[in-house]
PDB file of N, CA and C in Angstrom:
ATOM      1  N   MET A   1     -28.682 -95.052 -22.167  1.00  0.00           N
ATOM      2  CA  MET A   1     -27.588 -95.768 -21.359  1.00  0.00           C
ATOM      3  C   MET A   1     -26.193 -95.113 -21.525  1.00  0.00           C
ATOM      4  N   ARG A   2     -26.080 -94.320 -22.569  1.00  0.00           N
ATOM      5  CA  ARG A   2     -24.706 -93.450 -22.423  1.00  0.00           C
ATOM      6  C   ARG A   2     -24.072 -92.543 -21.336  1.00  0.00           C
ATOM      7  N   THR A   3     -25.293 -91.981 -20.712  1.00  0.00           N
ATOM      8  CA  THR A   3     -24.935 -91.120 -19.561  1.00  0.00           C
ATOM      9  C   THR A   3     -24.310 -91.985 -18.633  1.00  0.00           C
ATOM     10  N   PRO A   4     -24.930 -93.077 -18.129  1.00  0.00           N
ATOM     11  CA  PRO A   4     -24.168 -93.847 -17.088  1.00  0.00           C
ATOM     12  C   PRO A   4     -22.872 -94.227 -17.458  1.00  0.00           C
ATOM     13  N   LYS A   5     -22.586 -94.558 -18.767  1.00  0.00           N
ATOM     14  CA  LYS A   5     -21.151 -94.944 -19.171  1.00  0.00           C
ATOM     15  C   LYS A   5     -20.265 -93.870 -19.088  1.00  0.00           C
ATOM     16  N   ILE A   6     -20.757 -92.603 -19.269  1.00  0.00           N
ATOM     17  CA  ILE A   6     -19.841 -91.562 -19.334  1.00  0.00           C
ATOM     18  C   ILE A   6     -19.657 -91.126 -17.926  1.00  0.00           C
ATOM     19  N   ALA A   7     -20.664 -91.274 -17.136  1.00  0.00           N
ATOM     20  CA  ALA A   7     -20.378 -91.022 -15.558  1.00  0.00           C
ATOM     21  C   ALA A   7     -19.394 -91.961 -15.143  1.00  0.00           C
ATOM     22  N   LEU A   8     -19.582 -93.227 -15.225  1.00  0.00           N
ATOM     23  CA  LEU A   8     -18.705 -94.376 -14.917  1.00  0.00           C
ATOM     24  C   LEU A   8     -17.392 -94.047 -15.326  1.00  0.00           C
ATOM     25  N   PHE A   9     -17.074 -93.718 -16.512  1.00  0.00           N
ATOM     26  CA  PHE A   9     -15.829 -93.526 -17.122  1.00  0.00           C
ATOM     27  C   PHE A   9     -15.250 -92.313 -16.627  1.00  0.00           C
ATOM     28  N   SER A  10     -16.039 -91.047 -16.201  1.00  0.00           N
ATOM     29  CA  SER A  10     -15.447 -90.139 -15.651  1.00  0.00           C
ATOM     30  C   SER A  10     -14.996 -90.489 -14.120  1.00  0.00           C
ATOM     31  N   LEU A  11     -15.832 -91.150 -13.233  1.00  0.00           N
ATOM     32  CA  LEU A  11     -15.473 -91.749 -12.043  1.00  0.00           C
ATOM     33  C   LEU A  11     -14.182 -92.519 -12.127  1.00  0.00           C
ATOM     34  N   ALA A  12     -14.035 -93.301 -12.984  1.00  0.00           N
ATOM     35  CA  ALA A  12     -12.814 -94.114 -13.325  1.00  0.00           C
ATOM     36  C   ALA A  12     -11.598 -93.279 -13.471  1.00  0.00           C
ATOM     37  N   LEU A  13     -11.793 -92.119 -14.263  1.00  0.00           N
ATOM     38  CA  LEU A  13     -10.660 -91.232 -14.455  1.00  0.00           C
ATOM     39  C   LEU A  13     -10.166 -90.410 -13.138  1.00  0.00           C
ATOM     40  N   CYS A  14     -11.159 -90.096 -12.451  1.00  0.00           N
ATOM     41  CA  CYS A  14     -11.012 -89.468 -11.242  1.00  0.00           C
ATOM     42  C   CYS A  14     -10.339 -90.480 -10.307  1.00  0.00           C
ATOM     43  N   LEU A  15     -10.740 -91.437 -10.086  1.00  0.00           N
ATOM     44  CA  LEU A  15     -10.251 -92.457  -9.246  1.00  0.00           C
ATOM     45  C   LEU A  15      -8.692 -92.931  -9.460  1.00  0.00           C
ATOM     46  N   ALA A  16      -8.523 -92.938 -10.845  1.00  0.00           N
ATOM     47  CA  ALA A  16      -7.369 -93.307 -11.504  1.00  0.00           C
ATOM     48  C   ALA A  16      -6.020 -92.251 -11.176  1.00  0.00           C
ATOM     49  N   LEU A  17      -6.698 -90.751 -11.219  1.00  0.00           N
ATOM     50  CA  LEU A  17      -5.756 -89.795 -10.956  1.00  0.00           C
ATOM     51  C   LEU A  17      -4.909 -89.885  -9.588  1.00  0.00           C
ATOM     52  N   PRO A  18      -5.488 -90.246  -8.609  1.00  0.00           N
ATOM     53  CA  PRO A  18      -4.563 -90.322  -7.388  1.00  0.00           C
ATOM     54  C   PRO A  18      -3.650 -91.134  -7.693  1.00  0.00           C
ATOM     55  N   LEU A  19      -3.704 -92.387  -8.434  1.00  0.00           N
ATOM     56  CA  LEU A  19      -2.773 -93.340  -8.700  1.00  0.00           C
ATOM     57  C   LEU A  19      -1.703 -92.740  -9.564  1.00  0.00           C
ATOM     58  N   ALA A  20      -2.196 -92.280 -10.524  1.00  0.00           N
ATOM     59  CA  ALA A  20      -1.268 -91.597 -11.310  1.00  0.00           C
ATOM     60  C   ALA A  20      -0.364 -90.467 -10.828  1.00  0.00           C
ATOM     61  N   ALA A  21      -1.010 -89.810  -9.589  1.00  0.00           N
ATOM     62  CA  ALA A  21      -0.271 -88.751  -9.006  1.00  0.00           C
ATOM     63  C   ALA A  21       0.506 -89.103  -7.694  1.00  0.00           C
ATOM     64  N   GLN A  22       0.436 -90.392  -7.704  1.00  0.00           N
ATOM     65  CA  GLN A  22       1.399 -90.989  -6.512  1.00  0.00           C
ATOM     66  C   GLN A  22       2.732 -90.297  -6.382  1.00  0.00           C
ATOM     67  N   PRO A  23       3.071 -89.516  -5.284  1.00  0.00           N
ATOM     68  CA  PRO A  23       4.330 -89.218  -5.463  1.00  0.00           C
ATOM     69  C   PRO A  23       5.338 -90.265  -4.968  1.00  0.00           C
ATOM     70  N   GLU A  24       6.575 -89.993  -5.461  1.00  0.00           N
ATOM     71  CA  GLU A  24       7.591 -90.973  -4.957  1.00  0.00           C
ATOM     72  C   GLU A  24       7.729 -90.691  -3.646  1.00  0.00           C
ATOM     73  N   GLU A  25       8.490 -91.484  -2.651  1.00  0.00           N
ATOM     74  CA  GLU A  25       8.652 -91.363  -1.266  1.00  0.00           C
ATOM     75  C   GLU A  25       9.268 -89.882  -1.013  1.00  0.00           C
ATOM     76  N   HIS A  26      10.192 -89.617  -1.947  1.00  0.00           N
ATOM     77  CA  HIS A  26      10.964 -88.369  -1.590  1.00  0.00           C
ATOM     78  C   HIS A  26       9.925 -87.205  -1.845  1.00  0.00           C
ATOM     79  N   ASP A  27       9.092 -87.541  -2.713  1.00  0.00           N
ATOM     80  CA  ASP A  27       8.102 -86.045  -2.800  1.00  0.00           C
ATOM     81  C   ASP A  27       7.073 -86.271  -1.807  1.00  0.00           C
ATOM     82  N   GLN A  28       6.680 -87.404  -1.204  1.00  0.00           N
ATOM     83  CA  GLN A  28       5.740 -87.596  -0.038  1.00  0.00           C
ATOM     84  C   GLN A  28       6.454 -86.788   1.183  1.00  0.00           C
ATOM     85  N   ASP A  29       7.787 -86.935   1.256  1.00  0.00           N
ATOM     86  CA  ASP A  29       8.434 -86.350   2.363  1.00  0.00           C
ATOM     87  C   ASP A  29       8.574 -84.836   2.272  1.00  0.00           C
ATOM     88  N   ARG A  30       8.718 -84.387   0.893  1.00  0.00           N
ATOM     89  CA  ARG A  30       8.786 -83.045   0.751  1.00  0.00           C
ATOM     90  C   ARG A  30       7.390 -82.292   0.915  1.00  0.00           C
ATOM     91  N   ARG A  31       6.468 -82.994   0.575  1.00  0.00           N
ATOM     92  CA  ARG A  31       5.112 -82.514   0.753  1.00  0.00           C
ATOM     93  C   ARG A  31       4.722 -82.369   2.230  1.00  0.00           C
ATOM     94  N   MET A  32       5.092 -83.490   2.931  1.00  0.00           N
ATOM     95  CA  MET A  32       4.851 -83.431   4.404  1.00  0.00           C
ATOM     96  C   MET A  32       5.426 -82.156   5.003  1.00  0.00           C
ATOM     97  N   ALA A  33       6.823 -82.215   4.672  1.00  0.00           N
ATOM     98  CA  ALA A  33       7.531 -81.046   5.300  1.00  0.00           C
ATOM     99  C   ALA A  33       6.877 -79.734   4.936  1.00  0.00           C
ATOM    100  N   LYS A  34       6.414 -79.648   3.750  1.00  0.00           N
ATOM    101  CA  LYS A  34       5.674 -78.344   3.392  1.00  0.00           C
ATOM    102  C   LYS A  34       4.495 -78.179   4.414  1.00  0.00           C
ATOM    103  N   LEU A  35       3.627 -79.217   4.313  1.00  0.00           N
ATOM    104  CA  LEU A  35       2.302 -79.103   5.102  1.00  0.00           C
ATOM    105  C   LEU A  35       2.696 -78.691   6.659  1.00  0.00           C
ATOM    106  N   THR A  36       3.893 -79.276   7.058  1.00  0.00           N
ATOM    107  CA  THR A  36       4.183 -79.118   8.538  1.00  0.00           C
ATOM    108  C   THR A  36       4.515 -77.673   8.777  1.00  0.00           C
ATOM    109  N   GLN A  37       5.465 -77.172   7.743  1.00  0.00           N
ATOM    110  CA  GLN A  37       5.755 -75.726   7.850  1.00  0.00           C
ATOM    111  C   GLN A  37       4.681 -74.679   7.490  1.00  0.00           C
ATOM    112  N   GLU A  38       3.713 -75.024   6.637  1.00  0.00           N
ATOM    113  CA  GLU A  38       2.731 -74.204   6.213  1.00  0.00           C
ATOM    114  C   GLU A  38       1.548 -74.001   7.264  1.00  0.00           C
ATOM    115  N   LEU A  39       1.307 -75.087   7.810  1.00  0.00           N
ATOM    116  CA  LEU A  39       0.117 -75.341   9.054  1.00  0.00           C
ATOM    117  C   LEU A  39       0.828 -75.149  10.233  1.00  0.00           C
ATOM    118  N   GLN A  40       2.137 -75.158  10.331  1.00  0.00           N
ATOM    119  CA  GLN A  40       2.891 -75.081  11.662  1.00  0.00           C
ATOM    120  C   GLN A  40       2.251 -76.206  12.419  1.00  0.00           C
ATOM    121  N   LEU A  41       2.390 -77.429  11.732  1.00  0.00           N
ATOM    122  CA  LEU A  41       1.972 -78.648  12.709  1.00  0.00           C
ATOM    123  C   LEU A  41       2.968 -78.860  13.991  1.00  0.00           C
ATOM    124  N   THR A  42       2.515 -79.372  14.931  1.00  0.00           N
ATOM    125  CA  THR A  42       3.299 -79.928  16.209  1.00  0.00           C
ATOM    126  C   THR A  42       3.725 -81.015  15.735  1.00  0.00           C
ATOM    127  N   PRO A  43       4.843 -81.706  16.358  1.00  0.00           N
ATOM    128  CA  PRO A  43       5.349 -83.118  16.033  1.00  0.00           C
ATOM    129  C   PRO A  43       4.180 -84.158  16.273  1.00  0.00           C
ATOM    130  N   GLU A  44       3.208 -84.117  17.008  1.00  0.00           N
ATOM    131  CA  GLU A  44       2.288 -85.147  17.261  1.00  0.00           C
ATOM    132  C   GLU A  44       1.220 -84.810  15.918  1.00  0.00           C
ATOM    133  N   GLN A  45       0.775 -83.621  15.682  1.00  0.00           N
ATOM    134  CA  GLN A  45       0.051 -83.448  14.665  1.00  0.00           C
ATOM    135  C   GLN A  45       0.656 -84.017  13.453  1.00  0.00           C
ATOM    136  N   GLU A  46       1.844 -83.767  13.069  1.00  0.00           N
ATOM    137  CA  GLU A  46       2.540 -84.231  11.960  1.00  0.00           C
ATOM    138  C   GLU A  46       2.575 -85.744  11.967  1.00  0.00           C
ATOM    139  N   LYS A  47       2.617 -86.416  12.894  1.00  0.00           N
ATOM    140  CA  LYS A  47       2.589 -87.893  13.069  1.00  0.00           C
ATOM    141  C   LYS A  47       1.057 -88.325  12.758  1.00  0.00           C
ATOM    142  N   GLN A  48       0.055 -87.536  13.307  1.00  0.00           N
ATOM    143  CA  GLN A  48      -1.167 -87.927  12.886  1.00  0.00           C
ATOM    144  C   GLN A  48      -1.545 -87.692  11.477  1.00  0.00           C
ATOM    145  N   VAL A  49      -1.067 -86.822  10.986  1.00  0.00           N
ATOM    146  CA  VAL A  49      -1.364 -86.271   9.750  1.00  0.00           C
ATOM    147  C   VAL A  49      -0.766 -87.567   8.742  1.00  0.00           C
ATOM    148  N   LYS A  50       0.600 -87.837   8.890  1.00  0.00           N
ATOM    149  CA  LYS A  50       1.202 -89.046   8.214  1.00  0.00           C
ATOM    150  C   LYS A  50       0.227 -90.057   8.319  1.00  0.00           C
ATOM    151  N   GLU A  51       0.098 -90.467   9.387  1.00  0.00           N
ATOM    152  CA  GLU A  51      -1.039 -91.750   9.583  1.00  0.00           C
ATOM    153  C   GLU A  51      -2.203 -91.656   8.828  1.00  0.00           C
ATOM    154  N   ALA A  52      -2.805 -90.588   8.912  1.00  0.00           N
ATOM    155  CA  ALA A  52      -4.090 -90.270   8.090  1.00  0.00           C
ATOM    156  C   ALA A  52      -3.912 -90.457   6.357  1.00  0.00           C
ATOM    157  N   TYR A  53      -2.808 -89.850   6.080  1.00  0.00           N
ATOM    158  CA  TYR A  53      -2.599 -90.052   4.721  1.00  0.00           C
ATOM    159  C   TYR A  53      -2.294 -91.295   4.214  1.00  0.00           C
ATOM    160  N   LYS A  54      -1.453 -92.073   5.195  1.00  0.00           N
ATOM    161  CA  LYS A  54      -1.200 -93.492   4.913  1.00  0.00           C
ATOM    162  C   LYS A  54      -2.448 -94.396   4.836  1.00  0.00           C
ATOM    163  N   LYS A  55      -3.364 -94.229   5.934  1.00  0.00           N
ATOM    164  CA  LYS A  55      -4.524 -95.131   6.037  1.00  0.00           C
ATOM    165  C   LYS A  55      -5.436 -94.792   4.859  1.00  0.00           C
ATOM    166  N   HIS A  56      -5.664 -93.412   4.254  1.00  0.00           N
ATOM    167  CA  HIS A  56      -6.458 -93.355   3.362  1.00  0.00           C
ATOM    168  C   HIS A  56      -5.886 -93.489   1.896  1.00  0.00           C
ATOM    169  N   PHE A  57      -4.549 -93.503   2.019  1.00  0.00           N
ATOM    170  CA  PHE A  57      -3.777 -93.875   0.606  1.00  0.00           C
ATOM    171  C   PHE A  57      -4.323 -95.492   0.357  1.00  0.00           C
ATOM    172  N   GLU A  58      -4.120 -96.266   1.339  1.00  0.00           N
ATOM    173  CA  GLU A  58      -4.120 -97.749   1.185  1.00  0.00           C
ATOM    174  C   GLU A  58      -5.717 -97.973   0.744  1.00  0.00           C
ATOM    175  N   LYS A  59      -6.489 -97.311   1.503  1.00  0.00           N
ATOM    176  CA  LYS A  59      -8.195 -97.268   1.022  1.00  0.00           C
ATOM    177  C   LYS A  59      -8.210 -97.241  -0.431  1.00  0.00           C
ATOM    178  N   MET A  60      -7.793 -95.914  -0.833  1.00  0.00           N
ATOM    179  CA  MET A  60      -7.839 -95.471  -2.185  1.00  0.00           C
ATOM    180  C   MET A  60      -7.299 -96.620  -3.172  1.00  0.00           C
ATOM    181  N   LYS A  61      -6.190 -97.143  -2.816  1.00  0.00           N
ATOM    182  CA  LYS A  61      -5.546 -98.135  -3.770  1.00  0.00           C
ATOM    183  C   LYS A  61      -6.388 -99.321  -3.883  1.00  0.00           C
ATOM    184  N   VAL A  62      -6.995 -99.922  -2.543  1.00  0.00           N
ATOM    185  CA  VAL A  62      -7.964-101.038  -2.835  1.00  0.00           C
ATOM    186  C   VAL A  62      -9.238-100.480  -3.666  1.00  0.00           C
ATOM    187  N   LEU A  63      -9.780 -99.210  -3.532  1.00  0.00           N
ATOM    188  CA  LEU A  63     -10.787 -98.949  -4.400  1.00  0.00           C
ATOM    189  C   LEU A  63     -10.397 -98.717  -5.588  1.00  0.00           C
ATOM    190  N   ARG A  64      -9.375 -98.210  -6.069  1.00  0.00           N
ATOM    191  CA  ARG A  64      -9.006 -98.189  -7.609  1.00  0.00           C
ATOM    192  C   ARG A  64      -8.890 -99.526  -7.997  1.00  0.00           C
ATOM    193  N   GLU A  65      -8.304-100.648  -7.330  1.00  0.00           N
ATOM    194  CA  GLU A  65      -8.226-101.831  -7.895  1.00  0.00           C
ATOM    195  C   GLU A  65      -9.457-102.580  -8.196  1.00  0.00           C
ATOM    196  N   ALA A  66     -10.413-102.356  -7.155  1.00  0.00           N
ATOM    197  CA  ALA A  66     -11.777-102.965  -7.253  1.00  0.00           C
ATOM    198  C   ALA A  66     -12.586-102.114  -8.355  1.00  0.00           C
ATOM    199  N   LEU A  67     -12.253-100.904  -8.785  1.00  0.00           N
ATOM    200  CA  LEU A  67     -13.047-100.271  -9.906  1.00  0.00           C
ATOM    201  C   LEU A  67     -12.519-100.887 -11.147  1.00  0.00           C
ATOM    202  N   ARG A  68     -11.018-100.987 -11.219  1.00  0.00           N
ATOM    203  CA  ARG A  68     -10.564-101.488 -12.525  1.00  0.00           C
ATOM    204  C   ARG A  68     -11.026-102.915 -12.763  1.00  0.00           C
ATOM    205  N   THR A  69     -11.282-103.711 -11.652  1.00  0.00           N
ATOM    206  CA  THR A  69     -11.783-105.002 -11.934  1.00  0.00           C
ATOM    207  C   THR A  69     -13.348-104.695 -12.393  1.00  0.00           C
ATOM    208  N   ASP A  70     -14.143-104.072 -11.835  1.00  0.00           N
ATOM    209  CA  ASP A  70     -15.520-103.810 -12.266  1.00  0.00           C
ATOM    210  C   ASP A  70     -15.441-103.338 -13.757  1.00  0.00           C
ATOM    211  N   LEU A  71     -14.556-102.330 -14.018  1.00  0.00           N
ATOM    212  CA  LEU A  71     -14.622-101.763 -15.343  1.00  0.00           C
ATOM    213  C   LEU A  71     -14.256-102.671 -16.582  1.00  0.00           C
ATOM    214  N   SER A  72     -13.348-103.593 -16.104  1.00  0.00           N
ATOM    215  CA  SER A  72     -12.841-104.774 -17.150  1.00  0.00           C
ATOM    216  C   SER A  72     -14.095-105.587 -17.448  1.00  0.00           C
ATOM    217  N   GLY A  73     -14.985-105.727 -16.653  1.00  0.00           N
ATOM    218  CA  GLY A  73     -16.247-106.646 -16.772  1.00  0.00           C
ATOM    219  C   GLY A  73     -17.214-105.795 -17.616  1.00  0.00           C
ATOM    220  N   ILE A  74     -17.076-104.432 -17.575  1.00  0.00           N
ATOM    221  CA  ILE A  74     -18.034-103.488 -18.358  1.00  0.00           C
ATOM    222  C   ILE A  74     -17.598-103.112 -19.797  1.00  0.00           C
ATOM    223  N   LEU A  75     -16.414-102.679 -19.744  1.00  0.00           N
ATOM    224  CA  LEU A  75     -15.750-102.304 -20.987  1.00  0.00           C
ATOM    225  C   LEU A  75     -15.382-103.351 -21.839  1.00  0.00           C
ATOM    226  N   SER A  76     -15.163-102.989 -23.034  1.00  0.00           N
ATOM    227  CA  SER A  76     -14.562-103.848 -24.066  1.00  0.00           C
ATOM    228  C   SER A  76     -13.106-103.873 -23.759  1.00  0.00           C
ATOM    229  N   LYS A  77     -12.502-104.888 -24.403  1.00  0.00           N
ATOM    230  CA  LYS A  77     -11.104-104.799 -24.314  1.00  0.00           C
ATOM    231  C   LYS A  77     -10.300-103.568 -24.966  1.00  0.00           C
ATOM    232  N   ASP A  78     -11.023-103.078 -26.207  1.00  0.00           N
ATOM    233  CA  ASP A  78     -10.376-102.012 -26.851  1.00  0.00           C
ATOM    234  C   ASP A  78     -10.684-100.624 -25.915  1.00  0.00           C
ATOM    235  N   GLN A  79     -11.908-100.365 -25.301  1.00  0.00           N
ATOM    236  CA  GLN A  79     -12.286 -99.652 -24.420  1.00  0.00           C
ATOM    237  C   GLN A  79     -11.169 -99.442 -23.150  1.00  0.00           C
ATOM    238  N   MET A  80     -10.667-100.608 -22.604  1.00  0.00           N
ATOM    239  CA  MET A  80      -9.876-100.664 -21.756  1.00  0.00           C
ATOM    240  C   MET A  80      -8.577-100.231 -22.007  1.00  0.00           C
ATOM    241  N   ILE A  81      -8.027-100.613 -23.216  1.00  0.00           N
ATOM    242  CA  ILE A  81      -6.831-100.232 -23.840  1.00  0.00           C
ATOM    243  C   ILE A  81      -6.793 -98.592 -24.013  1.00  0.00           C
ATOM    244  N   LYS A  82      -7.954 -98.111 -24.655  1.00  0.00           N
ATOM    245  CA  LYS A  82      -8.052 -96.531 -24.713  1.00  0.00           C
ATOM    246  C   LYS A  82      -8.052 -96.024 -23.317  1.00  0.00           C
ATOM    247  N   MET A  83      -8.780 -96.581 -22.389  1.00  0.00           N
ATOM    248  CA  MET A  83      -8.730 -95.985 -21.008  1.00  0.00           C
ATOM    249  C   MET A  83      -7.420 -96.014 -20.483  1.00  0.00           C
ATOM    250  N   ASP A  84      -6.557 -97.060 -20.646  1.00  0.00           N
ATOM    251  CA  ASP A  84      -5.127 -97.157 -20.132  1.00  0.00           C
ATOM    252  C   ASP A  84      -4.566 -96.013 -20.766  1.00  0.00           C
ATOM    253  N   GLU A  85      -4.513 -95.889 -22.067  1.00  0.00           N
ATOM    254  CA  GLU A  85      -3.782 -94.806 -22.846  1.00  0.00           C
ATOM    255  C   GLU A  85      -3.929 -93.421 -22.295  1.00  0.00           C
ATOM    256  N   MET A  86      -5.512 -93.168 -22.057  1.00  0.00           N
ATOM    257  CA  MET A  86      -5.694 -91.797 -21.415  1.00  0.00           C
ATOM    258  C   MET A  86      -5.094 -91.627 -19.955  1.00  0.00           C
ATOM    259  N   THR A  87      -5.135 -92.775 -19.198  1.00  0.00           N
ATOM    260  CA  THR A  87      -4.706 -92.630 -17.861  1.00  0.00           C
ATOM    261  C   THR A  87      -3.008 -92.400 -17.970  1.00  0.00           C
ATOM    262  N   LYS A  88      -2.509 -93.026 -18.845  1.00  0.00           N
ATOM    263  CA  LYS A  88      -1.006 -92.786 -18.908  1.00  0.00           C
ATOM    264  C   LYS A  88      -0.737 -91.267 -19.466  1.00  0.00           C
ATOM    265  N   GLN A  89      -1.569 -90.802 -20.290  1.00  0.00           N
ATOM    266  CA  GLN A  89      -1.337 -89.308 -20.755  1.00  0.00           C
ATOM    267  C   GLN A  89      -1.569 -88.459 -19.414  1.00  0.00           C
ATOM    268  N   ARG A  90      -2.593 -88.698 -18.684  1.00  0.00           N
ATOM    269  CA  ARG A  90      -2.748 -88.098 -17.539  1.00  0.00           C
ATOM    270  C   ARG A  90      -1.679 -88.114 -16.248  1.00  0.00           C
ATOM    271  N   GLU A  91      -1.211 -89.357 -16.288  1.00  0.00           N
ATOM    272  CA  GLU A  91       0.175 -89.617 -15.515  1.00  0.00           C
ATOM    273  C   GLU A  91       1.315 -88.719 -15.769  1.00  0.00           C
ATOM    274  N   ALA A  92       1.533 -88.632 -17.237  1.00  0.00           N
ATOM    275  CA  ALA A  92       2.573 -87.963 -17.700  1.00  0.00           C
ATOM    276  C   ALA A  92       2.251 -86.356 -17.421  1.00  0.00           C
ATOM    277  N   LYS A  93       0.981 -85.906 -17.418  1.00  0.00           N
ATOM    278  CA  LYS A  93       0.844 -84.591 -17.263  1.00  0.00           C
ATOM    279  C   LYS A  93       1.058 -84.179 -15.806  1.00  0.00           C
ATOM    280  N   MET A  94       0.748 -85.215 -14.938  1.00  0.00           N
ATOM    281  CA  MET A  94       0.796 -85.184 -13.650  1.00  0.00           C
ATOM    282  C   MET A  94       2.232 -85.010 -13.113  1.00  0.00           C
ATOM    283  N   ARG A  95       2.979 -86.046 -13.858  1.00  0.00           N
ATOM    284  CA  ARG A  95       4.434 -85.882 -13.359  1.00  0.00           C
ATOM    285  C   ARG A  95       5.219 -84.745 -14.030  1.00  0.00           C
ATOM    286  N   LYS A  96       4.816 -84.113 -15.010  1.00  0.00           N
ATOM    287  CA  LYS A  96       5.265 -82.667 -15.369  1.00  0.00           C
ATOM    288  C   LYS A  96       4.965 -81.639 -14.414  1.00  0.00           C
ATOM    289  N   THR A  97       3.608 -81.629 -13.911  1.00  0.00           N
ATOM    290  CA  THR A  97       3.309 -80.684 -12.997  1.00  0.00           C
ATOM    291  C   THR A  97       4.113 -80.883 -11.747  1.00  0.00           C
ATOM    292  N   ILE A  98       4.359 -82.110 -11.277  1.00  0.00           N
ATOM    293  CA  ILE A  98       5.160 -82.278 -10.132  1.00  0.00           C
ATOM    294  C   ILE A  98       6.625 -81.901 -10.240  1.00  0.00           C
ATOM    295  N   ARG A  99       7.151 -82.076 -11.302  1.00  0.00           N
ATOM    296  CA  ARG A  99       8.331 -81.711 -11.589  1.00  0.00           C
ATOM    297  C   ARG A  99       8.490 -80.106 -11.765  1.00  0.00           C
ATOM    298  N   GLU A 100       7.612 -79.474 -12.130  1.00  0.00           N
ATOM    299  CA  GLU A 100       7.572 -77.997 -12.172  1.00  0.00           C
ATOM    300  C   GLU A 100       7.381 -77.529 -10.857  1.00  0.00           C
ATOM    301  N   GLU A 101       6.581 -78.310  -9.920  1.00  0.00           N
ATOM    302  CA  GLU A 101       6.649 -77.803  -8.664  1.00  0.00           C
ATOM    303  C   GLU A 101       7.767 -77.935  -7.744  1.00  0.00           C
ATOM    304  N   ARG A 102       8.597 -79.163  -7.966  1.00  0.00           N
ATOM    305  CA  ARG A 102       9.900 -79.120  -7.519  1.00  0.00           C
ATOM    306  C   ARG A 102      10.883 -77.945  -7.817  1.00  0.00           C
ATOM    307  N   LYS A 103      10.921 -77.722  -9.312  1.00  0.00           N
ATOM    308  CA  LYS A 103      11.972 -76.737  -9.527  1.00  0.00           C
ATOM    309  C   LYS A 103      11.374 -75.326  -8.834  1.00  0.00           C
ATOM    310  N   GLU A 104      10.017 -75.087  -8.787  1.00  0.00           N
ATOM    311  CA  GLU A 104       9.796 -73.957  -8.212  1.00  0.00           C
ATOM    312  C   GLU A 104       9.931 -73.867  -6.695  1.00  0.00           C
ATOM    313  N   ASP A 105       9.746 -74.920  -5.979  1.00  0.00           N
ATOM    314  CA  ASP A 105      10.155 -75.159  -4.558  1.00  0.00           C
ATOM    315  C   ASP A 105      11.623 -74.645  -4.457  1.00  0.00           C
ATOM    316  N   HIS A 106      12.401 -75.248  -5.325  1.00  0.00           N
ATOM    317  CA  HIS A 106      13.812 -75.157  -5.318  1.00  0.00           C
ATOM    318  C   HIS A 106      14.461 -73.802  -5.373  1.00  0.00           C
ATOM    319  N   LYS A 107      13.543 -72.894  -6.304  1.00  0.00           N
ATOM    320  CA  LYS A 107      13.648 -71.591  -6.467  1.00  0.00           C
ATOM    321  C   LYS A 107      13.603 -70.635  -5.283  1.00  0.00           C
ATOM    322  N   ASN A 108      12.687 -71.260  -4.520  1.00  0.00           N
ATOM    323  CA  ASN A 108      12.288 -70.296  -3.293  1.00  0.00           C
ATOM    324  C   ASN A 108      12.968 -70.705  -2.113  1.00  0.00           C
TER     325      ASN A 108
END
């Protein structure tokens, strides 16, 4: 039974990562501008890409919330607390990476 729990926990971390990595609106604009420039998107493509990201972001948000609800029925309270701590650590690491990317972008 250990392997399914490990797989479930790994899935939880993978799904929690996008939540932790949610860029602020400014970062979303910056990333969209980078995509537009790097991929040479037309204005219509840019609009469609923004809508696709928005649509899938909302779906992922619902999935993450559902997963968290499911996990809270499986994991003990202590395990959920530990998972939350691990998620916060990963969030901090992602924020650091985003800050470093911003600094690098400003240099270029």
